[in-house]
Amino acid sequence: MGEASEQEEALATYDAVWLATYKGLVEEMLDQTGLKIDQIAERMNITERTLRNKVSAYTGLSPAEYLMKARLTRALYLLESRRYE
């Protein structure tokens, strides 16, 4: 029982690290005009299908939806902080 718990904890940690890496990469690449999902997948060294499956499983959003949400969140931040100039 203890071994299974340790495996679940290790998997949860891996998932959290993977998601943090994905979020950081999206944030880093957000300024690129014409950013596409295949570019993100390439930077993460995984296929687009794997990216789609993981992002969907972890966030409930497709990579395209997540990217749009990240762009809108960034735009809102820039508008509220008046840093869009």
Protein backbone atom coordinates (compact mmCIF):
# COMPACT_ATOMS: atom_id res chain seq x y z
CA MET A 1 0.00 0.00 0.00
CA GLY A 2 2.83 2.40 0.81
CA GLU A 3 4.52 1.74 -2.52
CA ALA A 4 1.35 2.54 -4.48
CA SER A 5 0.95 5.76 -2.53
CA GLU A 6 4.54 6.75 -3.30
CA GLN A 7 3.97 6.03 -7.00
CA GLU A 8 0.81 8.14 -7.02
CA GLU A 9 2.65 10.97 -5.28
CA ALA A 10 5.54 10.74 -7.76
CA LEU A 11 3.07 10.80 -10.66
CA ALA A 12 1.25 13.80 -9.21
CA THR A 13 4.59 15.57 -8.80
CA TYR A 14 5.56 14.73 -12.40
CA ASP A 15 2.20 16.02 -13.64
CA ALA A 16 2.59 19.26 -11.67
CA VAL A 17 6.11 19.78 -12.99
CA TRP A 18 5.00 19.04 -16.56
CA LEU A 19 2.09 21.47 -16.32
CA ALA A 20 4.30 24.18 -14.79
CA THR A 21 6.80 23.68 -17.61
CA TYR A 22 4.01 23.95 -20.19
CA LYS A 23 2.58 27.08 -18.61
CA GLY A 24 6.02 28.68 -18.41
CA LEU A 25 6.75 27.89 -22.03
CA VAL A 26 3.42 29.29 -23.19
CA GLU A 27 4.06 32.45 -21.17
CA GLU A 28 7.54 32.75 -22.67
CA MET A 29 6.31 32.26 -26.23
CA LEU A 30 3.16 34.37 -25.91
CA ASP A 31 4.71 37.43 -27.53
CA GLN A 32 5.45 35.55 -30.75
CA THR A 33 3.14 36.57 -33.55
CA GLY A 34 1.53 33.57 -35.20
CA LEU A 35 2.41 31.19 -32.38
CA LYS A 36 1.12 27.72 -33.21
CA ILE A 37 0.53 24.63 -31.15
CA ASP A 38 3.06 22.63 -33.16
CA GLN A 39 5.78 25.09 -32.10
CA ILE A 40 4.94 24.52 -28.44
CA ALA A 41 4.89 20.74 -28.94
CA GLU A 42 8.27 20.91 -30.66
CA ARG A 43 9.78 22.93 -27.81
CA MET A 44 8.43 20.39 -25.32
CA ASN A 45 9.84 17.53 -27.43
CA ILE A 46 6.48 15.78 -27.78
CA THR A 47 3.98 15.23 -30.57
CA GLU A 48 1.01 17.53 -31.05
CA ARG A 49 -1.29 14.64 -30.17
CA THR A 50 0.51 14.03 -26.88
CA LEU A 51 0.43 17.75 -26.12
CA ARG A 52 -3.29 17.88 -26.88
CA ASN A 53 -3.99 14.86 -24.67
CA LYS A 54 -1.90 16.07 -21.72
CA VAL A 55 -3.15 19.67 -21.80
CA SER A 56 -6.73 18.49 -22.08
CA ALA A 57 -6.29 16.03 -19.20
CA TYR A 58 -4.58 18.56 -16.92
CA THR A 59 -6.58 21.70 -17.73
CA GLY A 60 -9.83 20.60 -19.35
CA LEU A 61 -8.94 22.85 -22.30
CA SER A 62 -7.47 22.12 -25.69
CA PRO A 63 -4.02 23.63 -26.31
CA ALA A 64 -5.63 26.22 -28.60
CA GLU A 65 -8.18 27.15 -25.93
CA TYR A 66 -5.44 27.33 -23.31
CA LEU A 67 -3.36 29.56 -25.58
CA MET A 68 -6.31 31.88 -26.20
CA LYS A 69 -7.05 32.06 -22.47
CA ALA A 70 -3.39 32.87 -21.77
CA ARG A 71 -3.44 35.63 -24.41
CA LEU A 72 -6.63 37.12 -22.99
CA THR A 73 -5.24 36.97 -19.45
CA ARG A 74 -2.06 38.74 -20.61
CA ALA A 75 -4.11 41.38 -22.48
CA LEU A 76 -6.25 42.02 -19.41
CA TYR A 77 -3.14 42.39 -17.26
CA LEU A 78 -1.57 44.83 -19.72
CA LEU A 79 -4.76 46.89 -19.94
CA GLU A 80 -5.24 47.01 -16.19
CA SER A 81 -1.63 47.91 -15.52
CA ARG A 82 -1.46 50.29 -18.50
CA ARG A 83 1.66 48.55 -19.79
CA TYR A 84 0.43 48.20 -23.34
CA GLU A 85 2.30 51.20 -24.71
